[in-house]
Amino acid sequence: MINVTKPFLPPRKEYDLYLDGIWERNWLTNNGPLVNDLELKLKDYLDLKHLLFVSNGTIALQIAIKAMELSGEIITTPFSYVATTSSIVWENCTPIFVDIDKNSFNIDASKIENSITEKTSAILATHVFGNPCNIDAIEAIAQKHELKIIYDAAHCFGSKYKGKSVMEYGDISTLSFHATKLYHTTEGGAVVSPKPELIEKMAFLRNFGHDGPDKFKSIGINGKNSEFHAAMGLANLKYADDIIKKRMDDHAIYNKWLNPLKLQTQFISKDVDFNHAYYPVVFNTEDDCKLILKELANREIYARRYFYPVLSSLNYVKKQSTPIADDISKRILCLPLYYQLNETEINMICRVILRYLNKEQG
């Protein structure tokens, strides 16, 4: 069976060494030494000044919204994982969906200003599939209208924009270290900000607002993460470069097979150092997409309609028109991509696609 993804696991002995230390210290959670070590090493690897390790990427988004005390309307994308929208609604704000660019799959910055009202407090944009948004345009709009910016960078581990970590931009960026991600800590996430005052505020928010054992500085939530998750993160981090390189190589294999079909793939700007986190392909019709999904599944190969359906169609948000996102979401598949996937398996996946698309076109 070939799944759309499979978690990378480090050699068991390397993880066990961290577990031995946990057993010796009997310190399981509450910002233990492994959590602190992981934060330092992630800042070094990603070339960041500030980063807080949290329990997951959804909590990261909620903490980001809470830290900036956002209210009213937040402009966002309809083409992302459901957590992006749910976090806005969870924090009692209203998502205002702006359609996506048909080539990058990111929010179309040229359409943002038309959706700004007196109730708008922020822009929450997703760097879709690890591909950075039009950051310069978004930041210019935010500065002009005095709006805050959150970047959902859940897919962006290792991606850079104009030579800098993509997490260096905006007021706050959020990361996911879920097991399905390129780099993972089993469950986990992070909040990143270039602003020390926001990092300090989020440090209290992730730990119940504690300012000592019997003192509380602010409202807070249990957004911490454990030593066991930090151990997985530390064990995996040394392999991050290899994982990114392997995905880059696998992209090239997919491209070699599928380029003759002239199917749409994601446009990556020349300003971007891309992490190749996913391999999305847009078929010519929804019927083609469904056919390939079915034929692959018949061979126990599981691609994913990622992201489908669009978030503007959720039953707990106001319906808004996003025709480009609607169209792309119906025709897109993310093909299997993970460290253990081998060239023979990629070849088999591509032969199925070629066989059935050529049959349909013939």
Protein backbone atom coordinates (compact mmCIF):
# COMPACT_ATOMS: atom_id res chain seq x y z
CA MET A 1 0.00 0.00 0.00
CA ILE A 2 1.24 3.49 -0.89
CA ASN A 3 -0.29 6.32 1.14
CA VAL A 4 -0.19 9.99 0.19
CA THR A 5 2.38 10.40 2.96
CA LYS A 6 4.17 8.37 5.59
CA PRO A 7 5.91 9.79 8.67
CA PHE A 8 9.69 9.77 8.72
CA LEU A 9 11.02 7.93 11.76
CA PRO A 10 14.63 8.24 12.93
CA PRO A 11 16.66 5.14 13.89
CA ARG A 12 15.07 3.72 17.03
CA LYS A 13 18.35 3.77 18.96
CA GLU A 14 18.71 7.51 18.43
CA TYR A 15 15.23 8.19 19.81
CA ASP A 16 15.80 5.78 22.70
CA LEU A 17 18.83 7.80 23.84
CA TYR A 18 16.54 10.76 24.43
CA LEU A 19 14.02 8.52 26.22
CA ASP A 20 16.74 7.29 28.59
CA GLY A 21 17.32 10.90 29.65
CA ILE A 22 13.59 11.48 30.18
CA TRP A 23 13.41 8.42 32.45
CA GLU A 24 16.44 9.61 34.42
CA ARG A 25 15.08 13.10 34.97
CA ASN A 26 11.42 12.11 35.36
CA TRP A 27 10.60 15.47 33.75
CA LEU A 28 7.88 14.77 31.19
CA THR A 29 6.40 18.15 30.31
CA ASN A 30 6.21 21.81 31.43
CA ASN A 31 9.00 23.21 29.25
CA GLY A 32 11.61 20.62 30.07
CA PRO A 33 15.23 20.57 28.88
CA LEU A 34 14.47 18.79 25.61
CA VAL A 35 11.80 21.35 24.70
CA ASN A 36 14.27 24.15 25.35
CA ASP A 37 16.99 22.37 23.39
CA LEU A 38 14.62 21.81 20.47
CA GLU A 39 13.62 25.48 20.39
CA LEU A 40 17.28 26.53 20.27
CA LYS A 41 18.13 24.04 17.53
CA LEU A 42 15.07 24.97 15.45
CA LYS A 43 15.96 28.66 15.67
CA ASP A 44 19.46 27.82 14.52
CA TYR A 45 18.32 25.56 11.66
CA LEU A 46 15.65 27.96 10.42
CA ASP A 47 17.77 31.07 11.05
CA LEU A 48 15.21 32.66 13.35
CA LYS A 49 15.57 34.91 16.38
CA HIS A 50 12.45 33.76 18.20
CA LEU A 51 10.38 30.54 18.22
CA LEU A 52 8.10 28.83 20.73
CA PHE A 53 7.32 25.11 20.52
CA VAL A 54 3.60 24.44 21.07
CA SER A 55 1.29 21.45 21.10
CA ASN A 56 0.08 21.67 17.48
CA GLY A 57 -0.38 23.96 14.50
CA THR A 58 -4.01 24.75 15.31
CA ILE A 59 -3.18 25.93 18.82
CA ALA A 60 -0.42 28.01 17.21
CA LEU A 61 -3.00 29.83 15.07
CA GLN A 62 -5.33 30.37 18.03
CA ILE A 63 -2.50 31.73 20.17
CA ALA A 64 -1.44 34.06 17.35
CA ILE A 65 -4.94 35.51 17.01
CA LYS A 66 -5.29 35.86 20.78
CA ALA A 67 -1.85 37.44 21.22
CA MET A 68 -2.71 40.30 18.86
CA GLU A 69 -6.20 40.65 20.36
CA LEU A 70 -7.81 40.47 16.94
CA SER A 71 -11.52 41.04 16.52
CA GLY A 72 -14.04 41.62 13.76
CA GLU A 73 -13.06 40.41 10.30
CA ILE A 74 -9.92 38.57 9.27
CA ILE A 75 -9.17 38.31 5.56
CA THR A 76 -8.07 34.79 4.66
CA THR A 77 -7.84 32.16 1.95
CA PRO A 78 -10.50 29.59 1.01
CA PHE A 79 -7.76 27.15 -0.09
CA SER A 80 -6.08 25.76 3.01
CA TYR A 81 -6.61 23.11 5.67
CA VAL A 82 -9.76 23.57 7.73
CA ALA A 83 -7.78 24.64 10.83
CA THR A 84 -6.97 27.97 9.18
CA THR A 85 -10.65 28.97 9.08
CA SER A 86 -11.70 27.12 12.24
CA SER A 87 -9.12 29.00 14.31
CA ILE A 88 -10.57 32.32 13.17
CA VAL A 89 -14.11 31.27 14.03
CA TRP A 90 -12.96 29.66 17.32
CA GLU A 91 -11.53 33.03 18.37
CA ASN A 92 -14.87 34.73 17.64
CA CYS A 93 -13.68 36.49 14.51
CA THR A 94 -15.25 36.40 11.05
CA PRO A 95 -13.34 34.92 8.10
CA ILE A 96 -13.58 36.99 4.92
CA PHE A 97 -12.47 34.85 1.99
CA VAL A 98 -10.43 36.31 -0.85
CA ASP A 99 -10.04 34.10 -3.90
CA ILE A 100 -6.72 32.53 -4.82
CA ASP A 101 -4.25 33.06 -7.62
CA LYS A 102 -4.83 30.29 -10.15
CA ASN A 103 -1.10 29.64 -10.60
CA SER A 104 0.43 29.79 -7.11
CA PHE A 105 -2.73 28.57 -5.28
CA ASN A 106 -2.08 31.26 -2.65
CA ILE A 107 -4.41 34.11 -1.75
CA ASP A 108 -4.53 36.63 -4.61
CA ALA A 109 -3.00 39.75 -3.11
CA SER A 110 -4.45 41.93 -5.89
CA LYS A 111 -7.96 41.16 -4.59
CA ILE A 112 -7.37 41.79 -0.88
CA GLU A 113 -8.03 45.55 -0.76
CA ASN A 114 -11.52 45.13 -2.22
CA SER A 115 -12.46 43.08 0.86
CA ILE A 116 -11.11 45.45 3.52
CA THR A 117 -13.76 47.17 5.64
CA GLU A 118 -13.76 49.17 8.86
CA LYS A 119 -14.15 45.83 10.68
CA THR A 120 -11.00 44.27 9.19
CA SER A 121 -8.27 43.66 11.79
CA ALA A 122 -5.84 41.31 10.04
CA ILE A 123 -4.84 39.17 7.09
CA LEU A 124 -4.30 35.45 7.71
CA ALA A 125 -2.66 33.99 4.61
CA THR A 126 -1.50 30.41 4.03
CA HIS A 127 1.73 29.61 2.21
CA VAL A 128 0.06 26.76 0.32
CA PHE A 129 2.06 23.53 0.01
CA GLY A 130 5.15 25.37 1.32
CA ASN A 131 5.03 27.97 -1.48
CA PRO A 132 5.31 31.50 -0.01
CA CYS A 133 2.57 34.02 -0.77
CA ASN A 134 3.18 37.34 -2.52
CA ILE A 135 4.65 38.62 0.73
CA ASP A 136 5.74 42.03 -0.54
CA ALA A 137 2.25 42.88 -1.79
CA ILE A 138 0.53 41.59 1.35
CA GLU A 139 2.84 43.54 3.65
CA ALA A 140 2.35 46.73 1.64
CA ILE A 141 -1.43 46.38 1.93
CA ALA A 142 -1.24 45.64 5.65
CA GLN A 143 0.97 48.67 6.27
CA LYS A 144 -1.29 50.94 4.24
CA HIS A 145 -4.43 49.86 6.12
CA GLU A 146 -2.79 49.28 9.52
CA LEU A 147 -3.61 45.57 9.59
CA LYS A 148 -1.85 42.73 11.37
CA ILE A 149 -0.49 39.75 9.41
CA ILE A 150 -0.47 36.09 10.39
CA TYR A 151 1.09 33.62 7.98
CA ASP A 152 -0.07 30.03 8.25
CA ALA A 153 3.29 28.44 7.44
CA ALA A 154 2.26 24.91 8.39
CA HIS A 155 3.81 23.52 5.19
CA CYS A 156 6.84 25.81 5.14
CA PHE A 157 9.58 24.07 7.08
CA GLY A 158 12.76 25.00 5.22
CA SER A 159 11.17 27.34 2.64
CA LYS A 160 12.78 30.75 2.09
CA TYR A 161 11.64 33.98 0.49
CA LYS A 162 14.28 36.33 -0.92
CA GLY A 163 16.98 34.48 0.98
CA LYS A 164 15.30 34.69 4.39
CA SER A 165 13.22 32.16 6.26
CA VAL A 166 9.61 32.64 5.24
CA MET A 167 8.80 32.81 8.98
CA GLU A 168 10.72 36.09 9.29
CA TYR A 169 7.86 37.96 7.63
CA GLY A 170 4.57 39.21 9.04
CA ASP A 171 3.71 39.77 12.69
CA ILE A 172 3.40 36.07 13.52
CA SER A 173 3.94 32.87 11.55
CA THR A 174 2.68 29.49 12.66
CA LEU A 175 4.11 26.06 11.95
CA SER A 176 2.76 22.53 12.18
CA PHE A 177 4.98 19.61 13.16
CA HIS A 178 2.26 17.00 12.74
CA ALA A 179 3.35 13.49 11.81
CA THR A 180 2.30 14.02 8.17
CA LYS A 181 4.59 17.02 7.70
CA LEU A 182 8.01 17.08 6.05
CA TYR A 183 9.54 17.60 9.51
CA HIS A 184 7.57 16.41 12.52
CA THR A 185 7.57 15.96 16.28
CA THR A 186 4.70 13.40 16.14
CA GLU A 187 2.29 16.16 17.20
CA GLY A 188 3.45 19.71 17.54
CA GLY A 189 3.76 23.18 16.13
CA ALA A 190 5.41 26.53 16.70
CA VAL A 191 4.74 30.24 16.77
CA VAL A 192 7.36 32.57 15.33
CA SER A 193 7.58 36.35 15.43
CA PRO A 194 10.29 38.93 14.75
CA LYS A 195 8.74 40.96 17.60
CA PRO A 196 10.04 40.04 21.10
CA GLU A 197 6.99 41.54 22.80
CA LEU A 198 4.69 39.15 20.92
CA ILE A 199 6.91 36.17 21.74
CA GLU A 200 6.80 37.10 25.43
CA LYS A 201 3.03 37.41 25.32
CA MET A 202 2.62 34.07 23.52
CA ALA A 203 4.92 32.37 26.04
CA PHE A 204 2.40 33.23 28.76
CA LEU A 205 -0.57 32.31 26.55
CA ARG A 206 0.74 28.78 25.88
CA ASN A 207 1.20 28.07 29.62
CA PHE A 208 -2.08 29.08 31.30
CA GLY A 209 -0.74 32.61 31.81
CA HIS A 210 1.56 31.38 34.58
CA ASP A 211 4.12 33.88 35.85
CA GLY A 212 5.54 31.65 38.55
CA PRO A 213 3.96 28.78 40.52
CA ASP A 214 1.17 30.84 42.10
CA LYS A 215 0.95 33.93 39.92
CA PHE A 216 -0.86 34.57 36.64
CA LYS A 217 0.05 37.38 34.27
CA SER A 218 -2.74 36.87 31.72
CA ILE A 219 -5.33 34.53 30.33
CA GLY A 220 -3.75 31.38 28.91
CA ILE A 221 -4.27 27.93 27.48
CA ASN A 222 -2.45 24.62 27.74
CA GLY A 223 -0.49 24.98 24.53
CA LYS A 224 2.74 23.41 25.79
CA ASN A 225 4.35 20.29 24.40
CA SER A 226 6.03 17.31 26.04
CA GLU A 227 9.57 16.00 26.32
CA PHE A 228 8.57 12.94 24.28
CA HIS A 229 7.52 15.12 21.34
CA ALA A 230 10.63 17.26 21.68
CA ALA A 231 12.72 14.07 21.64
CA MET A 232 11.19 13.08 18.31
CA GLY A 233 11.83 16.56 16.97
CA LEU A 234 15.48 16.50 18.04
CA ALA A 235 16.01 13.03 16.59
CA ASN A 236 14.40 14.04 13.28
CA LEU A 237 16.05 17.42 12.86
CA LYS A 238 19.43 16.00 11.83
CA TYR A 239 17.69 14.37 8.83
CA ALA A 240 15.77 17.46 7.66
CA ASP A 241 18.21 18.34 4.87
CA ASP A 242 18.14 14.76 3.56
CA ILE A 243 14.33 14.72 3.63
CA ILE A 244 14.08 17.97 1.66
CA LYS A 245 16.68 16.78 -0.85
CA LYS A 246 14.82 13.48 -1.33
CA ARG A 247 11.56 15.32 -2.02
CA MET A 248 13.30 17.58 -4.50
CA ASP A 249 14.60 14.50 -6.33
CA ASP A 250 11.16 12.88 -6.28
CA HIS A 251 9.62 16.05 -7.75
CA ALA A 252 12.05 15.73 -10.64
CA ILE A 253 11.00 12.11 -11.26
CA TYR A 254 7.31 13.02 -11.23
CA ASN A 255 8.01 15.94 -13.58
CA LYS A 256 9.86 13.72 -16.04
CA TRP A 257 6.87 11.37 -16.30
CA LEU A 258 4.00 13.86 -16.15
CA ASN A 259 5.29 16.90 -18.05
CA PRO A 260 4.23 15.40 -21.43
CA LEU A 261 0.60 15.48 -20.20
CA LYS A 262 0.86 19.27 -19.80
CA LEU A 263 -1.11 19.19 -16.57
CA GLN A 264 -1.05 22.25 -14.35
CA THR A 265 1.40 22.27 -11.46
CA GLN A 266 2.06 24.92 -8.83
CA PHE A 267 3.94 28.04 -9.93
CA ILE A 268 6.95 28.76 -7.72
CA SER A 269 8.40 32.29 -7.87
CA LYS A 270 12.10 32.79 -8.58
CA ASP A 271 12.28 34.59 -5.20
CA VAL A 272 11.51 31.30 -3.42
CA ASP A 273 13.75 28.53 -2.13
CA PHE A 274 11.08 25.82 -2.16
CA ASN A 275 10.97 22.87 0.25
CA HIS A 276 9.07 20.55 -2.17
CA ALA A 277 6.74 19.56 0.67
CA TYR A 278 3.95 18.23 -1.60
CA TYR A 279 3.41 17.22 -5.21
CA PRO A 280 0.07 18.74 -6.29
CA VAL A 281 -1.20 18.31 -9.83
CA VAL A 282 -4.32 19.90 -11.36
CA PHE A 283 -6.18 17.76 -13.89
CA ASN A 284 -8.08 19.19 -16.83
CA THR A 285 -11.47 18.19 -15.45
CA GLU A 286 -12.95 17.01 -12.18
CA ASP A 287 -13.91 13.75 -13.90
CA ASP A 288 -10.25 13.13 -14.76
CA CYS A 289 -9.30 13.85 -11.16
CA LYS A 290 -11.87 11.40 -9.81
CA LEU A 291 -10.91 8.77 -12.36
CA ILE A 292 -7.22 8.89 -11.41
CA LEU A 293 -8.08 8.88 -7.71
CA LYS A 294 -10.19 5.75 -8.24
CA GLU A 295 -7.69 3.93 -10.46
CA LEU A 296 -4.86 4.60 -8.05
CA ALA A 297 -6.98 3.42 -5.10
CA ASN A 298 -7.78 0.21 -7.01
CA ARG A 299 -4.04 -0.50 -6.78
CA GLU A 300 -3.84 0.53 -3.11
CA ILE A 301 -2.23 3.85 -4.00
CA TYR A 302 -3.86 6.69 -2.10
CA ALA A 303 -3.57 10.25 -3.38
CA ARG A 304 -5.56 13.05 -1.70
CA ARG A 305 -7.89 15.79 -2.89
CA TYR A 306 -5.98 18.40 -0.98
CA PHE A 307 -7.66 20.90 -0.36
CA TYR A 308 -11.21 19.84 -1.01
CA PRO A 309 -13.78 21.18 -0.41
CA VAL A 310 -12.97 24.90 -0.27
CA LEU A 311 -13.26 26.55 3.14
CA SER A 312 -15.74 29.13 1.85
CA SER A 313 -18.25 26.25 1.59
CA LEU A 314 -18.08 25.25 5.27
CA ASN A 315 -21.46 25.17 6.98
CA TYR A 316 -20.38 27.45 9.84
CA VAL A 317 -19.19 30.39 7.73
CA LYS A 318 -21.02 32.88 5.57
CA LYS A 319 -21.05 31.73 1.95
CA GLN A 320 -18.75 33.84 -0.21
CA SER A 321 -17.84 33.67 -3.89
CA THR A 322 -14.42 32.12 -4.58
CA PRO A 323 -14.72 30.69 -8.11
CA ILE A 324 -11.02 30.07 -8.76
CA ALA A 325 -10.51 28.20 -5.50
CA ASP A 326 -13.73 26.26 -6.17
CA ASP A 327 -12.43 25.22 -9.56
CA ILE A 328 -8.89 24.29 -8.49
CA SER A 329 -10.11 22.32 -5.47
CA LYS A 330 -12.27 20.11 -7.67
CA ARG A 331 -9.41 19.21 -10.01
CA ILE A 332 -6.36 18.94 -7.74
CA LEU A 333 -4.67 15.86 -6.31
CA CYS A 334 -1.63 15.63 -4.11
CA LEU A 335 0.30 12.56 -5.20
CA PRO A 336 2.23 10.34 -2.76
CA LEU A 337 5.44 11.94 -1.51
CA TYR A 338 7.51 10.80 1.47
CA TYR A 339 11.05 9.81 2.37
CA GLN A 340 10.58 6.04 2.04
CA LEU A 341 8.88 6.29 -1.37
CA ASN A 342 11.16 4.80 -4.02
CA GLU A 343 11.58 5.50 -7.72
CA THR A 344 9.92 2.24 -8.75
CA GLU A 345 6.78 3.23 -6.83
CA ILE A 346 6.75 6.72 -8.37
CA ASN A 347 7.13 5.14 -11.81
CA MET A 348 4.14 2.88 -11.10
CA ILE A 349 2.00 5.82 -9.96
CA CYS A 350 2.86 7.80 -13.07
CA ARG A 351 2.20 4.88 -15.42
CA VAL A 352 -1.33 4.56 -14.03
CA ILE A 353 -1.94 8.27 -14.61
CA LEU A 354 -0.51 8.17 -18.11
CA ARG A 355 -2.43 5.04 -19.07
CA TYR A 356 -5.83 6.31 -18.04
CA LEU A 357 -5.42 9.91 -19.16
CA ASN A 358 -4.12 8.85 -22.55
CA LYS A 359 -7.07 6.45 -22.83
CA GLU A 360 -9.50 9.26 -22.04
CA GLN A 361 -7.83 11.63 -24.48
CA GLY A 362 -7.69 8.96 -27.19
